[in-house]
Amino acid sequence: MTTSWIVVAHRAGARIFEHGGPGQPLARKDVLDHPRGRAQDREIDADRPGRTRAPGASQRHAMEPRETPHEHDAHAFAKEIAKRLTHARGQGELDRLVLVAEPHFLGYLDAELDAPTQRLVTHRVHKDLAHVSDADIDQHLGGALPTA
């Protein structure tokens, strides 16, 4: 029997479902909540950007961060999800992995997965299913679940 995990993730949380094979329903395995993913940049990092003076110039300029606080926080949450998946792989809890997230967050998640866990990914579904009920998730997965 092949066990597939379907990870439906977004910046504010992730649901992990288990699928035991053709004809089997999805069963919710775990929920990871990340309330900071719902916060605005100003709520995550209230500090203003620093200021710098270019060499030889008399004007000062605001230093732009490389990523917003919201993006930084999303990266951190993607790392937390990846850690959970890596642990499950190491424990032999899954054979296949389906990742479902909006494209930007899916990129963060992909970047955080280690190579052995990456090899278990059979499908990547570029959809934000955060507000889709557990019972309706499988209707949005296309051919991601094994049918035979």
Protein backbone atom coordinates (compact mmCIF):
# COMPACT_ATOMS: atom_id res chain seq x y z
CA MET A 1 0.00 0.00 0.00
CA THR A 2 1.29 3.43 -0.95
CA THR A 3 0.61 6.27 1.46
CA SER A 4 0.36 9.74 -0.01
CA TRP A 5 0.38 12.94 1.97
CA ILE A 6 -1.33 16.00 0.53
CA VAL A 7 -0.09 19.25 2.02
CA VAL A 8 -2.47 22.18 1.53
CA ALA A 9 -0.47 25.19 2.68
CA HIS A 10 -0.63 28.97 2.75
CA ARG A 11 1.08 31.69 4.74
CA ALA A 12 -1.29 31.34 7.70
CA GLY A 13 -1.46 27.58 8.03
CA ALA A 14 -1.21 24.15 6.53
CA ARG A 15 -3.38 21.06 6.54
CA ILE A 16 -1.83 17.68 5.95
CA PHE A 17 -4.03 14.91 4.60
CA GLU A 18 -3.27 11.23 4.22
CA HIS A 19 -4.50 9.16 1.29
CA GLY A 20 -4.23 5.39 1.54
CA GLY A 21 -4.81 4.63 -2.12
CA PRO A 22 -7.47 4.40 -4.82
CA GLY A 23 -11.00 4.49 -3.49
CA GLN A 24 -9.85 5.75 -0.10
CA PRO A 25 -10.99 9.14 1.21
CA LEU A 26 -8.58 11.83 2.34
CA ALA A 27 -8.11 11.86 6.10
CA ARG A 28 -6.78 14.90 7.90
CA LYS A 29 -3.49 13.96 9.53
CA ASP A 30 -2.27 17.24 10.98
CA VAL A 31 -2.85 20.98 11.10
CA LEU A 32 -0.10 23.56 11.42
CA ASP A 33 -1.40 27.00 12.37
CA HIS A 34 0.59 30.13 11.69
CA PRO A 35 -1.41 33.20 12.74
CA ARG A 36 1.45 35.61 11.90
CA GLY A 37 0.75 34.78 8.26
CA ARG A 38 -2.44 36.83 8.53
CA ALA A 39 -0.62 39.89 9.91
CA GLN A 40 0.32 42.93 7.85
CA ASP A 41 3.98 43.94 7.43
CA ARG A 42 3.55 46.84 9.84
CA GLU A 43 2.23 44.42 12.50
CA ILE A 44 5.14 41.98 12.07
CA ASP A 45 7.94 44.53 12.08
CA ALA A 46 7.09 47.96 13.39
CA ASP A 47 10.65 49.25 12.97
CA ARG A 48 11.32 51.68 10.16
CA PRO A 49 14.09 50.88 7.70
CA GLY A 50 17.51 52.14 8.70
CA ARG A 51 19.15 55.08 7.00
CA THR A 52 22.53 55.31 5.36
CA ARG A 53 24.67 57.91 3.68
CA ALA A 54 26.30 57.06 0.37
CA PRO A 55 30.08 57.62 0.39
CA GLY A 56 30.85 61.18 -0.63
CA ALA A 57 27.18 62.19 -0.64
CA SER A 58 25.49 64.64 1.67
CA GLN A 59 22.05 63.04 1.40
CA ARG A 60 20.84 60.14 3.46
CA HIS A 61 18.76 57.30 1.96
CA ALA A 62 16.44 54.75 3.50
CA MET A 63 17.83 51.23 3.34
CA GLU A 64 15.39 48.85 1.67
CA PRO A 65 15.16 45.36 3.17
CA ARG A 66 15.82 42.48 0.76
CA GLU A 67 12.47 40.96 1.67
CA THR A 68 9.49 42.31 3.55
CA PRO A 69 8.77 41.11 7.08
CA HIS A 70 5.78 39.23 5.65
CA GLU A 71 7.98 37.38 3.15
CA HIS A 72 10.55 36.61 5.85
CA ASP A 73 7.82 35.17 8.04
CA ALA A 74 6.45 33.09 5.13
CA HIS A 75 9.93 31.64 4.55
CA ALA A 76 10.15 30.71 8.23
CA PHE A 77 6.77 28.98 8.12
CA ALA A 78 7.73 27.10 4.93
CA LYS A 79 10.81 25.89 6.78
CA GLU A 80 8.61 24.65 9.65
CA ILE A 81 6.40 22.70 7.22
CA ALA A 82 9.47 21.24 5.48
CA LYS A 83 10.86 20.13 8.84
CA ARG A 84 7.59 18.31 9.60
CA LEU A 85 7.66 16.58 6.20
CA THR A 86 11.32 15.61 6.52
CA HIS A 87 10.63 14.06 9.91
CA ALA A 88 7.65 12.11 8.55
CA ARG A 89 9.73 10.85 5.62
CA GLY A 90 12.44 9.72 8.02
CA GLN A 91 9.85 7.84 10.07
CA GLY A 92 8.49 6.10 6.95
CA GLU A 93 5.06 7.70 7.29
CA LEU A 94 4.68 8.55 3.59
CA ASP A 95 5.66 7.27 0.17
CA ARG A 96 4.36 10.10 -2.00
CA LEU A 97 3.86 13.80 -1.45
CA VAL A 98 1.51 16.26 -3.13
CA LEU A 99 2.10 19.97 -2.45
CA VAL A 100 -0.77 22.42 -2.87
CA ALA A 101 -0.24 26.17 -2.39
CA GLU A 102 -0.42 29.46 -4.21
CA PRO A 103 2.62 29.73 -6.51
CA HIS A 104 4.68 32.15 -4.41
CA PHE A 105 4.37 30.17 -1.19
CA LEU A 106 4.86 26.89 -3.07
CA GLY A 107 8.21 28.28 -4.21
CA TYR A 108 9.19 28.94 -0.59
CA LEU A 109 8.15 25.43 0.42
CA ASP A 110 9.97 23.80 -2.48
CA ALA A 111 13.14 25.69 -1.58
CA GLU A 112 13.05 24.41 2.01
CA LEU A 113 12.56 20.69 1.29
CA ASP A 114 15.66 18.52 1.45
CA ALA A 115 16.58 16.39 -1.58
CA PRO A 116 15.21 13.05 -0.28
CA THR A 117 11.86 14.66 0.55
CA GLN A 118 11.82 16.48 -2.81
CA ARG A 119 12.05 13.08 -4.53
CA LEU A 120 8.74 12.04 -2.93
CA VAL A 121 6.88 14.99 -4.50
CA THR A 122 4.74 13.63 -7.32
CA HIS A 123 2.57 16.70 -7.97
CA ARG A 124 2.61 20.40 -7.28
CA VAL A 125 -0.79 22.07 -7.46
CA HIS A 126 -0.55 25.85 -7.84
CA LYS A 127 -3.79 26.79 -6.10
CA ASP A 128 -4.71 28.59 -2.91
CA LEU A 129 -7.14 26.19 -1.23
CA ALA A 130 -7.01 27.82 2.19
CA HIS A 131 -10.76 28.35 2.30
CA VAL A 132 -11.78 25.02 0.73
CA SER A 133 -13.33 22.57 3.19
CA ASP A 134 -11.57 19.31 4.00
CA ALA A 135 -14.36 17.38 2.29
CA ASP A 136 -13.85 19.26 -1.00
CA ILE A 137 -10.03 19.26 -1.24
CA ASP A 138 -9.86 16.14 -3.43
CA GLN A 139 -12.06 17.85 -6.06
CA HIS A 140 -9.30 20.42 -6.65
CA LEU A 141 -6.36 18.04 -7.02
CA GLY A 142 -6.85 16.98 -10.64
CA GLY A 143 -4.86 13.82 -11.32
CA ALA A 144 -2.64 14.15 -8.26
CA LEU A 145 -4.14 11.19 -6.40
CA PRO A 146 -3.51 7.63 -7.61
CA THR A 147 -6.55 6.02 -9.21
CA ALA A 148 -5.22 2.51 -9.74
